[in-house]
Amino acid sequence: MRTAWVLALCLTAGSVRAGGLEIAWDEGLAFDFDKAHYQQLLEQIVSRSLDQAEAGTGLKLEHGLKINVYTRVRYEKEFGSEAAHTQGAHYFRGAIYVNGGSQLDLRFGGAMTHEMSHAMLDAKGNGKNFPTWFNEGLAETLNWSQMGLPDLATPQAQELKTARQNGTLVPLLQRGPMNPFRYLQSHGAVLFLKKKYGPEKLLQLIKATAEGAPFEQSLHQATSSSTPEVEKDFGDWVDHLL
C-alpha cells in the first residue's frame, strides 16, 4: 500500500536531539479531507511520546528513528496473521511499527510511548542487555503513566496478589515471549523498584546498562540487590498491596 505522507522531524525543543524522527503512515488511515489534521495530530503524539520516553529512561534519541503506522491489513501482510492478532505495535532495529492507527486516541499514545521506551533502551544497540521483565516492565510503566495511571489500578494489584498466593508471581522473565500476565508482572516489578529505591536509582540502572554494563552489575550498583533479592522483596511488597 502506498504511503501518503513521510515527514522528517528534527526536534530541538528543550534540548538538541541528534538525528530525528521519520514518520510514515498509510493513506487508508485517514479520509482525504482529514489528512492534514491526521498528520498534525500524529506528529504531536509521537513528539510527546518521545519526550515521555526520554524523561522516563533518562536517555536521549541519538540516532534516527522511523515510525511506521500501518493499516491492520498491511501489518498482517508484513508480519503475519499471528502478529496482527496479538500485537498492537512493536520496535525492531531502529523502527517502530504500529498495527493500525485510525484512532489516534489515548490507547494509541500509550502504545507509542511503550515502543519509544524500547527504542530508548536500544539507542546504543544495547537493548538486549536488559532482561525481558525490565525492558517490558519499564515500557508498560511509562505506557500506564502516559494514560494517567502512575500506580497500579485495583484490578492489577488484585491480580498480582492472587499470583503471589498461587506461587506464580515470580520468577521474573529473563528471556522469552510475553503474555498479558507477564506484562503486568513486569510492570509491577519496575514500579516496585521505583518506589523502593527512587527514580534516580532507576535511572542510574538504566543508564549503566544502556551504555553496555551487564544488567546484574548495574542492578547491584544501583540497589545493592540481585535479581533473586528483588524477586523476594517484590513478593513482600505485593503482600501489602490493597
Protein backbone atom coordinates (compact mmCIF):
# COMPACT_ATOMS: atom_id res chain seq x y z
CA MET A 1 0.00 0.00 0.00
CA ARG A 2 1.29 3.44 -0.91
CA THR A 3 2.33 5.68 1.96
CA ALA A 4 0.58 9.01 1.84
CA TRP A 5 2.89 11.14 3.95
CA VAL A 6 6.52 10.96 5.01
CA LEU A 7 7.62 13.58 7.49
CA ALA A 8 11.15 14.03 8.79
CA LEU A 9 11.34 15.87 12.10
CA CYS A 10 14.43 17.34 13.70
CA LEU A 11 13.15 18.08 17.20
CA THR A 12 15.02 20.67 19.23
CA ALA A 13 12.52 21.68 21.92
CA GLY A 14 14.11 21.50 25.34
CA SER A 15 17.41 20.04 24.13
CA VAL A 16 19.14 19.34 20.83
CA ARG A 17 18.49 15.80 19.65
CA ALA A 18 20.91 14.18 17.23
CA GLY A 19 19.24 12.58 14.25
CA GLY A 20 15.48 12.83 14.02
CA LEU A 21 12.20 11.06 13.52
CA GLU A 22 10.82 9.87 10.21
CA ILE A 23 7.07 9.31 10.35
CA ALA A 24 5.22 7.39 7.65
CA TRP A 25 1.57 6.37 7.59
CA ASP A 26 -0.71 4.53 5.21
CA GLU A 27 -3.19 6.61 3.25
CA GLY A 28 -6.04 4.31 4.26
CA LEU A 29 -5.84 5.55 7.85
CA ALA A 30 -7.42 8.94 7.13
CA PHE A 31 -10.03 10.38 4.80
CA ASP A 32 -8.80 12.74 2.10
CA PHE A 33 -10.40 15.76 3.78
CA ASP A 34 -8.73 14.90 7.11
CA LYS A 35 -5.18 14.06 6.07
CA ALA A 36 -3.60 17.34 7.20
CA HIS A 37 -5.27 17.13 10.61
CA TYR A 38 -4.30 13.45 10.95
CA GLN A 39 -0.67 14.24 10.18
CA GLN A 40 -0.60 17.10 12.68
CA LEU A 41 -2.13 15.02 15.47
CA LEU A 42 0.14 12.04 14.78
CA GLU A 43 3.12 14.38 14.84
CA GLN A 44 2.08 15.71 18.24
CA ILE A 45 1.55 12.24 19.73
CA VAL A 46 4.91 10.97 18.50
CA SER A 47 6.73 14.04 19.80
CA ARG A 48 5.02 13.79 23.19
CA SER A 49 5.77 10.07 23.42
CA LEU A 50 9.42 10.72 22.68
CA ASP A 51 9.56 13.34 25.43
CA GLN A 52 7.95 10.93 27.89
CA ALA A 53 10.26 8.06 26.95
CA GLU A 54 13.35 10.24 27.26
CA ALA A 55 12.23 11.52 30.66
CA GLY A 56 11.31 8.03 31.86
CA THR A 57 14.59 6.43 30.79
CA GLY A 58 16.98 9.34 31.30
CA LEU A 59 18.30 8.64 27.79
CA LYS A 60 18.26 10.64 24.57
CA LEU A 61 17.50 9.78 20.99
CA GLU A 62 20.95 9.67 19.42
CA HIS A 63 20.12 8.24 16.01
CA GLY A 64 17.28 8.45 13.55
CA LEU A 65 14.10 6.57 14.43
CA LYS A 66 11.45 5.53 11.94
CA ILE A 67 7.77 5.45 12.90
CA ASN A 68 5.64 3.35 10.54
CA VAL A 69 1.88 3.42 11.13
CA TYR A 70 0.25 0.65 9.08
CA THR A 71 -3.33 -0.32 8.41
CA ARG A 72 -4.16 -3.67 10.03
CA VAL A 73 -4.24 -5.29 6.59
CA ARG A 74 -0.73 -4.12 5.76
CA TYR A 75 0.60 -5.03 9.21
CA GLU A 76 -0.69 -8.56 8.73
CA LYS A 77 0.84 -8.72 5.26
CA GLU A 78 4.21 -7.59 6.60
CA PHE A 79 4.38 -9.57 9.85
CA GLY A 80 1.85 -12.39 9.60
CA SER A 81 -1.61 -13.12 10.95
CA GLU A 82 -0.45 -14.16 14.43
CA ALA A 83 1.41 -10.89 14.96
CA ALA A 84 -1.53 -8.93 13.57
CA HIS A 85 -3.87 -10.52 16.11
CA THR A 86 -1.56 -10.31 19.14
CA GLN A 87 0.50 -7.12 18.67
CA GLY A 88 -0.61 -3.52 18.73
CA ALA A 89 2.88 -2.33 17.80
CA HIS A 90 6.50 -3.41 18.05
CA TYR A 91 10.01 -1.97 17.93
CA PHE A 92 12.76 -3.56 15.86
CA ARG A 93 16.21 -2.24 14.94
CA GLY A 94 15.63 1.48 14.82
CA ALA A 95 11.98 1.43 13.76
CA ILE A 96 8.55 1.31 15.39
CA TYR A 97 5.76 -0.48 13.54
CA VAL A 98 2.17 0.24 14.58
CA ASN A 99 -0.71 -2.14 13.83
CA GLY A 100 -3.49 0.26 12.88
CA GLY A 101 -3.87 3.95 13.56
CA SER A 102 -7.33 5.06 12.51
CA GLN A 103 -7.99 6.15 16.10
CA LEU A 104 -5.27 8.45 17.42
CA ASP A 105 -6.57 8.16 20.96
CA LEU A 106 -5.13 7.69 24.45
CA ARG A 107 -4.52 3.99 23.83
CA PHE A 108 -2.56 4.81 20.67
CA GLY A 109 -0.47 7.33 22.61
CA GLY A 110 0.24 4.78 25.33
CA ALA A 111 1.37 2.19 22.79
CA MET A 112 3.63 4.76 21.13
CA THR A 113 5.21 5.64 24.49
CA HIS A 114 5.71 1.91 25.21
CA GLU A 115 7.58 1.37 21.95
CA MET A 116 9.54 4.62 22.35
CA SER A 117 10.81 3.22 25.64
CA HIS A 118 12.19 0.17 23.84
CA ALA A 119 13.84 2.46 21.30
CA MET A 120 15.49 4.49 24.05
CA LEU A 121 16.89 1.39 25.81
CA ASP A 122 18.29 0.25 22.47
CA ALA A 123 19.60 3.67 21.42
CA LYS A 124 23.22 2.41 21.58
CA GLY A 125 22.40 -1.08 20.41
CA ASN A 126 22.39 -2.49 23.94
CA GLY A 127 18.68 -3.18 24.37
CA LYS A 128 19.48 -6.90 24.60
CA ASN A 129 21.40 -6.22 27.83
CA PHE A 130 18.11 -5.68 29.65
CA PRO A 131 16.19 -8.78 30.74
CA THR A 132 12.73 -9.08 29.24
CA TRP A 133 10.97 -8.30 32.52
CA PHE A 134 12.75 -4.97 32.94
CA ASN A 135 12.57 -3.93 29.28
CA GLU A 136 8.86 -4.64 29.04
CA GLY A 137 8.09 -3.56 32.59
CA LEU A 138 9.58 -0.12 32.09
CA ALA A 139 7.73 0.27 28.79
CA GLU A 140 4.44 -0.70 30.48
CA THR A 141 5.07 1.64 33.41
CA LEU A 142 5.59 4.57 31.02
CA ASN A 143 2.57 3.45 29.00
CA TRP A 144 0.23 3.44 32.00
CA SER A 145 1.67 6.67 33.35
CA GLN A 146 1.00 8.35 29.98
CA MET A 147 -2.61 7.21 30.28
CA GLY A 148 -2.95 8.75 33.73
CA LEU A 149 -2.23 5.68 35.89
CA PRO A 150 1.15 6.15 37.61
CA ASP A 151 0.27 3.44 40.16
CA LEU A 152 -1.36 0.04 39.92
CA ALA A 153 -5.11 0.04 39.40
CA THR A 154 -7.08 -2.03 41.92
CA PRO A 155 -7.71 -4.94 39.49
CA GLN A 156 -4.00 -5.03 38.62
CA ALA A 157 -2.98 -5.12 42.28
CA GLN A 158 -5.53 -7.87 42.95
CA GLU A 159 -4.21 -9.98 40.08
CA LEU A 160 -0.67 -9.68 41.40
CA LYS A 161 -1.81 -10.63 44.90
CA THR A 162 -3.60 -13.69 43.53
CA ALA A 163 -0.45 -14.72 41.65
CA ARG A 164 1.54 -14.29 44.85
CA GLN A 165 -0.89 -16.52 46.75
CA ASN A 166 -0.73 -19.12 43.97
CA GLY A 167 3.06 -19.08 43.88
CA THR A 168 3.26 -17.73 40.32
CA LEU A 169 4.32 -14.12 40.94
CA VAL A 170 8.00 -14.92 40.40
CA PRO A 171 10.44 -15.69 38.90
CA LEU A 172 10.60 -12.66 36.64
CA LEU A 173 11.02 -13.45 32.96
CA GLN A 174 14.63 -13.15 31.85
CA ARG A 175 14.10 -14.03 28.18
CA GLY A 176 11.14 -15.25 26.22
CA PRO A 177 7.67 -14.41 24.89
CA MET A 178 5.26 -12.20 26.77
CA ASN A 179 1.61 -12.70 27.67
CA PRO A 180 -0.86 -10.39 29.48
CA PHE A 181 0.15 -11.55 32.95
CA ARG A 182 3.86 -11.20 32.23
CA TYR A 183 3.30 -7.61 31.11
CA LEU A 184 1.51 -6.91 34.39
CA GLN A 185 4.11 -8.80 36.44
CA SER A 186 6.94 -6.86 34.78
CA HIS A 187 5.10 -3.55 35.22
CA GLY A 188 4.62 -4.30 38.92
CA ALA A 189 8.27 -5.23 39.40
CA VAL A 190 9.52 -1.99 37.82
CA LEU A 191 7.04 0.05 39.87
CA PHE A 192 8.32 -1.73 42.98
CA LEU A 193 11.94 -0.84 42.14
CA LYS A 194 11.00 2.78 41.52
CA LYS A 195 9.10 3.06 44.81
CA LYS A 196 11.69 1.28 46.94
CA TYR A 197 14.87 2.82 45.56
CA GLY A 198 13.60 6.04 43.99
CA PRO A 199 13.55 7.35 40.41
CA GLU A 200 17.22 8.39 40.44
CA LYS A 201 18.43 4.86 41.23
CA LEU A 202 16.20 3.50 38.50
CA LEU A 203 17.70 5.96 36.01
CA GLN A 204 21.19 5.01 37.19
CA LEU A 205 20.43 1.36 36.50
CA ILE A 206 19.05 2.19 33.05
CA LYS A 207 21.97 4.40 32.04
CA ALA A 208 24.67 1.93 33.08
CA THR A 209 23.00 -0.98 31.28
CA ALA A 210 22.24 1.08 28.17
CA GLU A 211 25.92 2.02 27.98
CA GLY A 212 26.91 -1.65 27.92
CA ALA A 213 27.29 -2.84 31.52
CA PRO A 214 25.75 -6.21 32.42
CA PHE A 215 22.30 -5.75 33.93
CA GLU A 216 23.08 -7.63 37.14
CA GLN A 217 26.14 -5.45 37.72
CA SER A 218 24.12 -2.29 37.10
CA LEU A 219 21.33 -3.54 39.35
CA HIS A 220 23.71 -4.23 42.21
CA GLN A 221 25.47 -0.88 41.86
CA ALA A 222 22.16 0.98 41.90
CA THR A 223 20.32 -1.01 44.57
CA SER A 224 22.85 -3.32 46.29
CA SER A 225 20.50 -6.15 45.33
CA SER A 226 20.49 -9.08 42.92
CA THR A 227 17.55 -10.29 40.84
CA PRO A 228 16.66 -13.06 43.33
CA GLU A 229 16.64 -10.47 46.13
CA VAL A 230 14.47 -8.16 44.03
CA GLU A 231 12.05 -11.02 43.42
CA LYS A 232 11.80 -11.74 47.15
CA ASP A 233 11.27 -8.09 48.05
CA PHE A 234 8.79 -7.67 45.20
CA GLY A 235 6.74 -10.53 46.63
CA ASP A 236 6.76 -8.93 50.08
CA TRP A 237 5.65 -5.64 48.55
CA VAL A 238 2.76 -7.29 46.72
CA ASP A 239 1.64 -8.88 50.01
CA HIS A 240 0.90 -5.39 51.34
CA LEU A 241 -0.97 -4.06 48.31
CA LEU A 242 -4.62 -3.02 48.78
